[in-house]
Amino acid sequence: MLTVSSPGASGVGSDEVSVSVMEGDSVTLNTGVQTNRQQDIRWYYNDIRIAQINGDINKTCTDVQCNEGNARFRDRLKLDHQTGSLTITNITNTDSGEYTLKIFSSSDSEKIFSVNVQGVSAAEIDEAKKNKGESVTFDPPVARKPDDVMTWYFNNIHIAEITGDLIDICTDVQCNEGNERFRDRLKLDHQTGSLTITNTRNTDSGEYTLLIISNNSSFSITRVKRFNLTVIGE
């Protein structure tokens, strides 16, 4: 779920951006700039410094490095050294709050991201059991938005993808040349991103992973949904 509220058209250059995510998602808060030696970019969570980057690499830090003893985000913060954008992975309910971006340069600026984490983790695995020859459909946990990129994997093998512009759409052998496991048995719904496997076989048993990337000019959210399929019968 994506929510943007600000005085500006889409949060760009505005003072405050509201971000609503589900537990287990990853979210990237964008600075909208390219870093240089004249800029000092600092991130704060509820007034506690959690990340910093500037021209002096000795002053680059995240989480416990920035604030000794503060391990709230241990190993879950990623700082883009090109833009200063901040990514929080595997977000939890306790990560809700205000994230303040401060850029110190020739013209100082400040931006607040109000992050609300809700719901149950979409990363939980859904179980499906089918008799050999039956069809099975895996549905995304959220409604597909026009700019969403949805990528499907079977046991880490790329098997289907749909992009917002509908230009890059593929299934099975089109996505992964030489992989004909599902030849003519995969159907990708262009409206919802749902994946259907027809005439299932025992060899179709395994884990199916859906990666959803939702982009916004001020932030992006990555969601992972897993399905475990068991095909029974000889």
Protein backbone atom coordinates (compact mmCIF):
# COMPACT_ATOMS: atom_id res chain seq x y z
CA MET A 1 0.00 0.00 0.00
CA LEU A 2 1.40 3.43 -0.98
CA THR A 3 0.23 6.73 0.40
CA VAL A 4 1.63 10.17 -0.36
CA SER A 5 0.32 13.31 1.26
CA SER A 6 2.07 16.65 0.97
CA PRO A 7 1.54 20.21 -0.22
CA GLY A 8 3.35 19.38 -3.47
CA ALA A 9 2.05 17.36 -6.40
CA SER A 10 3.72 14.12 -5.39
CA GLY A 11 5.87 14.91 -2.40
CA VAL A 12 8.89 16.15 -4.41
CA GLY A 13 10.43 19.19 -2.78
CA SER A 14 7.71 19.29 -0.16
CA ASP A 15 8.19 19.36 3.60
CA GLU A 16 6.44 16.11 4.48
CA VAL A 17 5.69 12.79 2.81
CA SER A 18 3.45 10.10 4.29
CA VAL A 19 4.43 6.49 3.58
CA SER A 20 2.24 3.51 4.46
CA VAL A 21 3.80 0.04 4.23
CA MET A 22 3.12 -3.52 5.35
CA GLU A 23 5.25 -5.33 7.89
CA GLY A 24 8.01 -7.26 6.14
CA ASP A 25 8.33 -4.80 3.22
CA SER A 26 11.48 -2.92 2.30
CA VAL A 27 11.17 0.83 1.74
CA THR A 28 13.58 3.31 0.16
CA LEU A 29 13.26 6.98 1.14
CA ASN A 30 14.64 9.08 -1.72
CA THR A 31 16.66 12.28 -1.33
CA GLY A 32 16.14 13.38 -4.93
CA VAL A 33 19.77 14.55 -5.18
CA GLN A 34 23.18 13.31 -6.26
CA THR A 35 25.74 13.52 -3.45
CA ASN A 36 28.93 15.55 -3.74
CA ARG A 37 31.71 16.65 -1.44
CA GLN A 38 29.89 19.88 -0.62
CA GLN A 39 26.82 18.13 0.79
CA ASP A 40 26.30 16.65 4.22
CA ILE A 41 23.27 14.31 4.23
CA ARG A 42 21.91 13.12 7.56
CA TRP A 43 18.97 10.87 8.43
CA TYR A 44 17.17 10.91 11.78
CA TYR A 45 14.58 8.56 13.24
CA ASN A 46 12.46 10.33 15.87
CA ASP A 47 15.34 12.82 16.33
CA ILE A 48 17.98 10.05 16.66
CA ARG A 49 20.69 10.15 13.98
CA ILE A 50 20.69 6.83 12.11
CA ALA A 51 22.65 7.55 8.90
CA GLN A 52 25.03 10.13 7.46
CA ILE A 53 27.09 10.61 4.30
CA ASN A 54 29.26 13.41 2.92
CA GLY A 55 32.51 13.93 1.01
CA ASP A 56 34.56 12.68 3.93
CA ILE A 57 34.07 8.88 3.91
CA ASN A 58 35.19 8.82 7.55
CA LYS A 59 31.89 10.48 8.39
CA THR A 60 29.69 7.90 6.64
CA CYS A 61 27.69 5.75 9.03
CA THR A 62 24.44 3.84 9.56
CA ASP A 63 22.59 2.90 12.73
CA VAL A 64 24.90 1.75 15.54
CA GLN A 65 27.90 3.38 13.82
CA CYS A 66 26.17 6.77 13.98
CA ASN A 67 24.85 6.37 17.49
CA GLU A 68 26.76 3.93 19.64
CA GLY A 69 24.46 1.63 21.52
CA ASN A 70 21.49 2.19 19.20
CA ALA A 71 20.96 -1.15 17.42
CA ARG A 72 17.29 -0.77 16.49
CA PHE A 73 17.96 -1.26 12.76
CA ARG A 74 21.00 -3.52 13.03
CA ASP A 75 21.88 -4.81 9.52
CA ARG A 76 18.58 -3.48 8.11
CA LEU A 77 19.70 -0.03 6.90
CA LYS A 78 21.29 0.58 3.51
CA LEU A 79 22.63 3.99 2.46
CA ASP A 80 23.02 4.75 -1.24
CA HIS A 81 26.43 6.41 -1.64
CA GLN A 82 25.38 8.05 -4.92
CA THR A 83 22.16 9.70 -3.77
CA GLY A 84 22.13 9.39 0.02
CA SER A 85 18.76 7.62 -0.18
CA LEU A 86 17.96 5.38 2.78
CA THR A 87 16.57 1.83 2.53
CA ILE A 88 15.02 0.01 5.48
CA THR A 89 14.71 -3.74 4.87
CA ASN A 90 12.29 -6.18 6.53
CA ILE A 91 10.46 -3.32 8.21
CA THR A 92 8.63 -3.98 11.48
CA ASN A 93 5.78 -2.31 13.38
CA THR A 94 8.27 -0.73 15.78
CA ASP A 95 9.88 1.12 12.87
CA SER A 96 6.85 3.41 12.48
CA GLY A 97 7.64 7.06 13.09
CA GLU A 98 9.21 10.16 11.59
CA TYR A 99 12.30 9.89 9.42
CA THR A 100 13.87 13.30 8.88
CA LEU A 101 16.22 14.02 5.99
CA LYS A 102 18.55 16.99 6.46
CA ILE A 103 20.80 18.16 3.65
CA PHE A 104 23.47 20.70 4.58
CA SER A 105 24.97 22.53 1.58
CA SER A 106 24.94 26.00 0.06
CA SER A 107 21.17 25.88 0.53
CA ASP A 108 20.09 23.71 3.48
CA SER A 109 16.89 21.67 3.22
CA GLU A 110 14.80 19.37 5.36
CA LYS A 111 12.21 16.73 4.51
CA ILE A 112 10.13 14.53 6.80
CA PHE A 113 8.91 11.05 5.92
CA SER A 114 6.11 9.88 8.19
CA VAL A 115 6.26 6.07 7.99
CA ASN A 116 3.35 3.95 9.16
CA VAL A 117 3.91 0.17 9.30
CA GLN A 118 0.75 -1.91 9.48
CA GLY A 119 -0.71 -5.34 8.93
CA VAL A 120 0.81 -8.79 8.89
CA SER A 121 3.96 -9.56 6.96
CA ALA A 122 3.31 -10.45 3.32
CA ALA A 123 6.51 -12.50 3.47
CA GLU A 124 4.66 -15.38 5.13
CA ILE A 125 4.41 -18.43 2.89
CA ASP A 126 1.00 -19.48 1.54
CA GLU A 127 0.57 -23.24 1.12
CA ALA A 128 -1.19 -24.77 -1.88
CA LYS A 129 -1.80 -28.46 -2.62
CA LYS A 130 -3.08 -29.66 -5.99
CA ASN A 131 -3.69 -32.99 -7.67
CA LYS A 132 -1.61 -33.66 -10.76
CA GLY A 133 -3.29 -32.13 -13.85
CA GLU A 134 -5.18 -29.44 -11.93
CA SER A 135 -4.55 -25.72 -12.37
CA VAL A 136 -3.39 -23.38 -9.63
CA THR A 137 -3.43 -19.57 -9.44
CA PHE A 138 -1.20 -17.45 -7.21
CA ASP A 139 -2.63 -13.99 -6.46
CA PRO A 140 -0.55 -10.94 -5.39
CA PRO A 141 -1.22 -9.75 -1.82
CA VAL A 142 -2.21 -6.27 -3.06
CA ALA A 143 -3.92 -4.78 -6.11
CA ARG A 144 -1.51 -4.04 -8.93
CA LYS A 145 -0.86 -0.36 -9.65
CA PRO A 146 -0.04 0.90 -13.16
CA ASP A 147 3.66 1.53 -12.40
CA ASP A 148 4.29 -1.65 -10.41
CA VAL A 149 6.90 -4.15 -11.57
CA MET A 150 6.00 -7.76 -10.71
CA THR A 151 8.52 -10.55 -11.11
CA TRP A 152 7.83 -14.25 -10.50
CA TYR A 153 10.44 -16.88 -9.59
CA PHE A 154 10.26 -20.67 -9.21
CA ASN A 155 12.98 -21.94 -6.86
CA ASN A 156 14.94 -18.73 -7.67
CA ILE A 157 14.53 -19.18 -11.47
CA HIS A 158 12.96 -16.22 -13.28
CA ILE A 159 9.71 -17.46 -14.89
CA ALA A 160 7.45 -14.41 -15.43
CA GLU A 161 7.48 -10.62 -15.33
CA ILE A 162 5.24 -7.66 -16.02
CA THR A 163 6.22 -3.98 -15.94
CA GLY A 164 4.16 -0.84 -15.60
CA ASP A 165 4.50 0.08 -19.25
CA LEU A 166 3.57 -3.49 -20.31
CA ILE A 167 6.63 -3.50 -22.60
CA ASP A 168 8.59 -6.09 -20.66
CA ILE A 169 6.17 -8.99 -20.28
CA CYS A 170 7.47 -12.52 -20.38
CA THR A 171 6.71 -16.03 -19.20
CA ASP A 172 8.91 -19.11 -18.90
CA VAL A 173 11.27 -19.55 -21.87
CA GLN A 174 10.85 -15.86 -22.85
CA CYS A 175 12.15 -14.78 -19.42
CA ASN A 176 14.88 -17.38 -19.14
CA GLU A 177 16.15 -18.75 -22.44
CA GLY A 178 16.53 -22.50 -22.36
CA ASN A 179 14.11 -22.97 -19.46
CA GLU A 180 11.12 -24.88 -20.85
CA ARG A 181 9.81 -26.41 -17.64
CA PHE A 182 6.42 -24.70 -17.97
CA ARG A 183 6.20 -24.41 -21.77
CA ASP A 184 2.70 -23.15 -22.72
CA ARG A 185 1.45 -23.79 -19.16
CA LEU A 186 1.94 -20.34 -17.59
CA LYS A 187 -0.63 -17.55 -17.80
CA LEU A 188 0.11 -14.07 -16.46
CA ASP A 189 -2.83 -11.75 -15.80
CA HIS A 190 -1.83 -8.34 -17.17
CA GLN A 191 -4.30 -6.51 -14.93
CA THR A 192 -3.58 -8.13 -11.57
CA GLY A 193 -0.20 -9.84 -12.02
CA SER A 194 -1.67 -13.18 -10.93
CA LEU A 195 0.15 -16.27 -12.16
CA THR A 196 -1.68 -19.43 -13.24
CA ILE A 197 -0.06 -22.80 -13.87
CA THR A 198 -2.18 -25.19 -15.94
CA ASN A 199 -1.93 -28.98 -16.11
CA THR A 200 0.33 -29.14 -13.04
CA ARG A 201 2.99 -31.82 -12.73
CA ASN A 202 4.87 -33.31 -9.80
CA THR A 203 7.97 -31.40 -10.95
CA ASP A 204 6.08 -28.12 -10.41
CA SER A 205 6.25 -28.64 -6.65
CA GLY A 206 8.40 -26.03 -4.91
CA GLU A 207 8.53 -22.40 -3.85
CA TYR A 208 7.13 -19.60 -6.01
CA THR A 209 8.26 -16.08 -5.12
CA LEU A 210 6.63 -12.83 -6.22
CA LEU A 211 8.70 -9.64 -6.04
CA ILE A 212 6.65 -6.42 -6.27
CA ILE A 213 8.42 -3.07 -6.71
CA SER A 214 6.22 0.03 -6.37
CA ASN A 215 7.95 3.27 -7.32
CA ASN A 216 7.14 6.83 -6.36
CA SER A 217 9.22 9.95 -6.91
CA SER A 218 9.76 10.29 -3.15
CA PHE A 219 10.05 6.62 -2.17
CA SER A 220 9.84 3.05 -3.41
CA ILE A 221 8.53 -0.08 -1.71
CA THR A 222 9.62 -3.67 -2.33
CA ARG A 223 7.33 -6.47 -1.24
CA VAL A 224 8.03 -10.21 -1.32
CA LYS A 225 5.30 -12.85 -1.32
CA ARG A 226 6.01 -16.58 -1.28
CA PHE A 227 3.84 -19.54 -2.20
CA ASN A 228 4.67 -23.20 -1.58
CA LEU A 229 3.08 -25.63 -4.06
CA THR A 230 2.77 -29.37 -3.58
CA VAL A 231 1.50 -31.46 -6.52
CA ILE A 232 0.30 -34.93 -5.54
CA GLY A 233 -0.66 -37.99 -7.56
CA GLU A 234 1.20 -40.13 -10.05
